[in-house]
Amino acid sequence: MSVLLQVSDAHFGAEIPAVRDALRELALQERPDVVVWTGDLTQRARRDQFAAARAFADSLPGAQTVAMPGNHDIPLYNVVDRLLRPYAGYRQAFGPELEPELEREDLLLLLVKTTRRWRHERGELSPAQVERVAQRLRRASPRQLRVVATHQPLHAADAGDRAHRLRGPADTLAIWAEAGMDLLLGGHTHRPRCDRVDAGARAVWVVQAGTSISHRVRGGLPNSVNLLRHDAGAGASHCSVEQWDFDEDLGTFVQARSTQALLSR
């Protein structure tokens, strides 16, 4: 069984200490193999905020950290850094790779950078990125859970998501589905969801995360993270997607819902 913890939109610099500490306790309790950060690790891309995010990631023993930047991880007010060194702070804390991938016997995780220095909020995918990811998916093993992650959402479930949807080739979801993608992770909207989406020849699961530990909650929704559990020994036929919400009264994260995501193979 592989366990993956999705942490999105932490916004260090705008975090709630009690929620941050509760997330650490959840990670220590559930012992994920991988923690994937789907962007916006910081509030304003400051070095002390990146350092705080890195320190938190390092405080989760046994979990492998895989991260990518979000739009808040590019300087907003420092125009020179935004144009010339947009990812300097991120790279210092999390390494030079902006589109890392992780491959295990039972997991292929591909992170795709959707931020652009010339955009403030909306992200973008290039045709070259779409094709690169598709080629990598086609080389995956049948035993692997094939997960692609972006920061801004690629698929829009409603008007709220459409306002933040990625710019890029219109058939991206269908291309990645045909190539073998099982799950598409995202953040940015601060609105969690887990939906089965028909994408041409195959159906895929779209999993969005809420804001994990920041005060920037939306629509009265609580802070939340996602836990994914996959057992390759079960024939790679399904993945459990759990949404864990922060409960203010208990001071802990509690499981709010669990979805058995049946995979189309």
Protein backbone atom coordinates (compact mmCIF):
# COMPACT_ATOMS: atom_id res chain seq x y z
CA MET A 1 0.00 0.00 0.00
CA SER A 2 1.33 3.40 -1.01
CA VAL A 3 0.04 6.46 0.83
CA LEU A 4 0.32 9.91 -0.75
CA LEU A 5 -0.52 13.11 1.14
CA GLN A 6 -1.51 16.07 -1.03
CA VAL A 7 -0.80 19.43 0.60
CA SER A 8 -1.80 22.49 -1.41
CA ASP A 9 -1.90 26.24 -0.90
CA ALA A 10 -0.14 26.21 2.46
CA HIS A 11 0.70 29.91 2.05
CA PHE A 12 3.44 29.97 4.69
CA GLY A 13 3.45 33.54 5.91
CA ALA A 14 -0.34 33.35 6.24
CA GLU A 15 -0.51 30.01 8.03
CA ILE A 16 -2.53 29.27 11.16
CA PRO A 17 -0.11 27.76 13.71
CA ALA A 18 -2.70 25.44 15.25
CA VAL A 19 -3.68 24.07 11.84
CA ARG A 20 -0.04 23.71 10.81
CA ASP A 21 0.70 21.69 13.95
CA ALA A 22 -2.41 19.57 13.44
CA LEU A 23 -1.28 18.75 9.90
CA ARG A 24 2.07 17.59 11.23
CA GLU A 25 0.24 15.34 13.70
CA LEU A 26 -1.90 13.92 10.88
CA ALA A 27 1.21 13.15 8.84
CA LEU A 28 2.89 11.50 11.80
CA GLN A 29 -0.27 9.47 12.39
CA GLU A 30 -0.84 8.34 8.80
CA ARG A 31 2.83 8.01 7.80
CA PRO A 32 2.52 8.86 4.09
CA ASP A 33 5.23 7.57 1.79
CA VAL A 34 5.08 10.73 -0.31
CA VAL A 35 4.00 14.31 0.42
CA VAL A 36 3.17 16.17 -2.79
CA TRP A 37 2.90 19.96 -2.56
CA THR A 38 0.71 21.26 -5.38
CA GLY A 39 1.84 24.87 -5.31
CA ASP A 40 1.50 28.09 -3.32
CA LEU A 41 3.83 26.99 -0.57
CA THR A 42 4.26 30.65 0.40
CA GLN A 43 2.14 33.76 0.63
CA ARG A 44 4.57 36.23 -0.96
CA ALA A 45 7.58 34.18 -2.16
CA ARG A 46 9.83 35.52 0.60
CA ARG A 47 12.90 33.57 1.64
CA ASP A 48 11.78 33.24 5.26
CA GLN A 49 8.45 31.83 4.06
CA PHE A 50 10.20 29.29 1.83
CA ALA A 51 12.47 28.39 4.75
CA ALA A 52 9.43 27.79 6.97
CA ALA A 53 7.84 25.56 4.32
CA ARG A 54 11.06 23.59 3.93
CA ALA A 55 11.43 23.19 7.70
CA PHE A 56 7.88 21.88 7.92
CA ALA A 57 8.49 19.39 5.10
CA ASP A 58 11.65 18.20 6.81
CA SER A 59 9.74 17.66 10.07
CA LEU A 60 7.78 14.76 8.52
CA PRO A 61 10.12 11.76 8.95
CA GLY A 62 9.93 8.99 6.39
CA ALA A 63 7.96 10.96 3.81
CA GLN A 64 9.50 11.88 0.48
CA THR A 65 8.81 15.50 -0.47
CA VAL A 66 7.84 16.30 -4.06
CA ALA A 67 6.90 19.91 -4.76
CA MET A 68 6.25 22.46 -7.47
CA PRO A 69 5.71 26.23 -7.34
CA GLY A 70 2.37 28.01 -7.55
CA ASN A 71 1.64 31.57 -8.60
CA HIS A 72 2.19 32.84 -5.04
CA ASP A 73 5.71 31.37 -5.15
CA ILE A 74 6.75 34.00 -7.70
CA PRO A 75 7.50 37.52 -6.37
CA LEU A 76 4.55 39.84 -6.88
CA TYR A 77 5.84 43.28 -5.90
CA ASN A 78 9.55 42.84 -6.69
CA VAL A 79 9.29 43.30 -10.45
CA VAL A 80 13.01 42.76 -11.11
CA ASP A 81 13.06 39.40 -9.33
CA ARG A 82 9.78 38.42 -10.95
CA LEU A 83 11.20 39.01 -14.42
CA LEU A 84 14.80 37.87 -13.93
CA ARG A 85 14.73 35.42 -11.00
CA PRO A 86 11.12 34.32 -10.56
CA TYR A 87 11.95 30.97 -8.91
CA ALA A 88 15.14 31.85 -7.02
CA GLY A 89 13.57 31.59 -3.58
CA TYR A 90 11.74 28.39 -4.44
CA ARG A 91 14.87 26.76 -5.86
CA GLN A 92 16.94 27.67 -2.82
CA ALA A 93 14.48 25.88 -0.55
CA PHE A 94 13.21 23.00 -2.70
CA GLY A 95 15.89 22.45 -5.31
CA PRO A 96 16.37 23.35 -8.97
CA GLU A 97 13.74 21.06 -10.49
CA LEU A 98 10.46 22.86 -11.16
CA GLU A 99 8.73 19.86 -12.76
CA PRO A 100 9.90 16.87 -10.72
CA GLU A 101 8.71 13.34 -11.22
CA LEU A 102 8.69 10.43 -8.83
CA GLU A 103 8.67 6.82 -9.94
CA ARG A 104 8.13 3.86 -7.67
CA GLU A 105 7.13 0.31 -8.46
CA ASP A 106 3.49 1.19 -7.86
CA LEU A 107 3.42 4.95 -8.57
CA LEU A 108 4.29 7.41 -11.31
CA LEU A 109 3.87 11.02 -10.17
CA LEU A 110 4.43 13.84 -12.67
CA LEU A 111 4.34 17.48 -11.54
CA VAL A 112 3.77 20.05 -14.29
CA LYS A 113 4.69 23.71 -13.78
CA THR A 114 1.76 25.87 -14.81
CA THR A 115 2.93 29.23 -13.45
CA ARG A 116 4.33 31.91 -15.76
CA ARG A 117 6.24 35.00 -14.70
CA TRP A 118 4.04 37.20 -16.91
CA ARG A 119 0.79 35.96 -15.37
CA HIS A 120 -0.45 36.82 -11.90
CA GLU A 121 -3.04 34.13 -11.19
CA ARG A 122 -4.03 32.15 -14.27
CA GLY A 123 -1.69 29.39 -15.33
CA GLU A 124 -0.69 28.03 -18.69
CA LEU A 125 0.31 24.74 -20.32
CA SER A 126 2.38 24.63 -23.49
CA PRO A 127 1.90 22.03 -26.24
CA ALA A 128 5.43 20.80 -25.47
CA GLN A 129 4.50 20.16 -21.83
CA VAL A 130 1.34 18.31 -22.84
CA GLU A 131 3.26 16.06 -25.22
CA ARG A 132 6.11 15.42 -22.77
CA VAL A 133 3.70 14.28 -20.06
CA ALA A 134 1.76 12.11 -22.50
CA GLN A 135 4.94 10.35 -23.65
CA ARG A 136 5.98 9.70 -20.06
CA LEU A 137 2.55 8.30 -19.19
CA ARG A 138 2.69 5.90 -22.13
CA ARG A 139 5.90 4.39 -20.72
CA ALA A 140 4.33 3.67 -17.32
CA SER A 141 4.02 0.17 -15.93
CA PRO A 142 0.54 -1.41 -15.69
CA ARG A 143 1.11 -1.72 -11.92
CA GLN A 144 1.69 1.99 -11.46
CA LEU A 145 -0.89 4.50 -10.31
CA ARG A 146 -0.38 7.30 -12.84
CA VAL A 147 -0.81 10.72 -11.28
CA VAL A 148 -0.34 14.14 -12.88
CA ALA A 149 -0.35 17.29 -10.77
CA THR A 150 -0.78 20.94 -11.75
CA HIS A 151 -1.33 23.98 -9.57
CA GLN A 152 -4.21 25.69 -11.38
CA PRO A 153 -7.09 23.40 -12.38
CA LEU A 154 -7.15 21.89 -15.85
CA HIS A 155 -10.77 20.75 -15.62
CA ALA A 156 -13.57 23.07 -14.52
CA ALA A 157 -16.50 21.59 -12.63
CA ASP A 158 -18.37 24.87 -12.30
CA ALA A 159 -18.12 28.62 -12.83
CA GLY A 160 -15.81 28.99 -9.84
CA ASP A 161 -13.27 26.66 -11.41
CA ARG A 162 -13.68 28.10 -14.91
CA ALA A 163 -12.42 31.45 -13.68
CA HIS A 164 -9.10 29.80 -12.76
CA ARG A 165 -8.79 27.15 -15.46
CA LEU A 166 -5.45 26.72 -17.17
CA ARG A 167 -4.78 28.19 -20.58
CA GLY A 168 -3.45 25.68 -23.07
CA PRO A 169 -4.44 23.05 -25.62
CA ALA A 170 -8.17 22.34 -25.31
CA ASP A 171 -7.71 18.58 -25.66
CA THR A 172 -5.08 18.22 -22.92
CA LEU A 173 -7.30 16.18 -20.60
CA ALA A 174 -8.24 13.77 -23.38
CA ILE A 175 -4.61 13.41 -24.47
CA TRP A 176 -3.41 12.60 -20.97
CA ALA A 177 -6.35 10.26 -20.36
CA GLU A 178 -5.62 8.35 -23.56
CA ALA A 179 -1.96 8.12 -22.53
CA GLY A 180 -2.95 6.44 -19.27
CA MET A 181 -3.41 9.11 -16.60
CA ASP A 182 -5.51 7.89 -13.66
CA LEU A 183 -5.70 10.95 -11.41
CA LEU A 184 -5.19 14.67 -11.96
CA LEU A 185 -4.30 16.61 -8.80
CA GLY A 186 -4.63 20.37 -8.44
CA GLY A 187 -5.00 23.24 -6.03
CA HIS A 188 -5.28 27.04 -6.38
CA THR A 189 -9.07 27.31 -5.94
CA HIS A 190 -9.01 26.40 -2.23
CA ARG A 191 -12.08 24.25 -2.94
CA PRO A 192 -11.68 20.48 -2.51
CA ARG A 193 -13.38 18.03 -4.86
CA CYS A 194 -13.03 14.51 -6.19
CA ASP A 195 -14.91 13.80 -9.42
CA ARG A 196 -14.88 11.14 -12.11
CA VAL A 197 -14.61 12.89 -15.45
CA ASP A 198 -15.17 11.37 -18.88
CA ALA A 199 -12.23 12.38 -21.05
CA GLY A 200 -12.68 10.84 -24.45
CA ALA A 201 -11.66 7.20 -24.54
CA ARG A 202 -11.16 6.91 -20.77
CA ALA A 203 -12.46 8.35 -17.54
CA VAL A 204 -10.07 9.99 -15.09
CA TRP A 205 -10.41 11.29 -11.55
CA VAL A 206 -9.94 14.99 -10.86
CA VAL A 207 -8.83 15.65 -7.28
CA GLN A 208 -8.62 19.24 -6.06
CA ALA A 209 -7.31 20.20 -2.63
CA GLY A 210 -8.39 23.01 -0.35
CA THR A 211 -6.02 25.37 1.41
CA SER A 212 -4.11 23.20 3.85
CA ILE A 213 -3.07 25.48 6.70
CA SER A 214 -3.67 29.12 5.76
CA HIS A 215 -6.37 31.52 6.85
CA ARG A 216 -7.28 32.05 3.16
CA VAL A 217 -10.26 29.67 3.25
CA ARG A 218 -13.12 30.31 0.85
CA GLY A 219 -16.86 29.88 0.97
CA GLY A 220 -16.86 28.87 4.61
CA LEU A 221 -14.92 25.68 3.79
CA PRO A 222 -12.44 24.40 6.39
CA ASN A 223 -8.74 23.82 5.85
CA SER A 224 -8.23 20.45 4.18
CA VAL A 225 -5.75 18.03 2.65
CA ASN A 226 -6.10 14.81 0.67
CA LEU A 227 -4.78 11.32 1.40
CA LEU A 228 -4.53 8.84 -1.48
CA ARG A 229 -4.09 5.13 -0.82
CA HIS A 230 -3.24 2.67 -3.59
CA ASP A 231 -2.52 -1.05 -3.40
CA ALA A 232 -0.77 -2.31 -6.53
CA GLY A 233 -1.31 -5.84 -5.27
CA ALA A 234 -5.03 -5.40 -5.81
CA GLY A 235 -4.47 -5.18 -9.56
CA ALA A 236 -4.19 -1.38 -9.62
CA SER A 237 -7.95 -1.24 -10.08
CA HIS A 238 -8.78 1.47 -7.59
CA CYS A 239 -7.40 4.22 -5.40
CA SER A 240 -8.94 5.51 -2.20
CA VAL A 241 -9.14 9.32 -2.10
CA GLU A 242 -9.75 10.72 1.38
CA GLN A 243 -10.49 14.35 2.20
CA TRP A 244 -9.36 15.36 5.69
CA ASP A 245 -10.76 18.59 7.12
CA PHE A 246 -9.52 20.59 10.09
CA ASP A 247 -12.02 20.48 12.96
CA GLU A 248 -11.71 23.63 15.07
CA ASP A 249 -13.48 22.11 18.07
CA LEU A 250 -11.22 19.05 18.16
CA GLY A 251 -8.12 20.87 17.01
CA THR A 252 -7.28 18.03 14.62
CA PHE A 253 -7.80 16.93 11.04
CA VAL A 254 -10.66 14.44 10.68
CA GLN A 255 -11.69 12.39 7.67
CA ALA A 256 -14.59 14.17 5.99
CA ARG A 257 -15.18 11.78 3.08
CA SER A 258 -13.64 8.86 1.26
CA THR A 259 -14.07 8.04 -2.44
CA GLN A 260 -13.18 4.71 -4.01
CA ALA A 261 -11.83 5.87 -7.34
CA LEU A 262 -12.22 2.96 -9.76
CA LEU A 263 -9.57 3.20 -12.45
CA SER A 264 -10.27 2.65 -16.14
CA ARG A 265 -7.61 0.28 -17.42
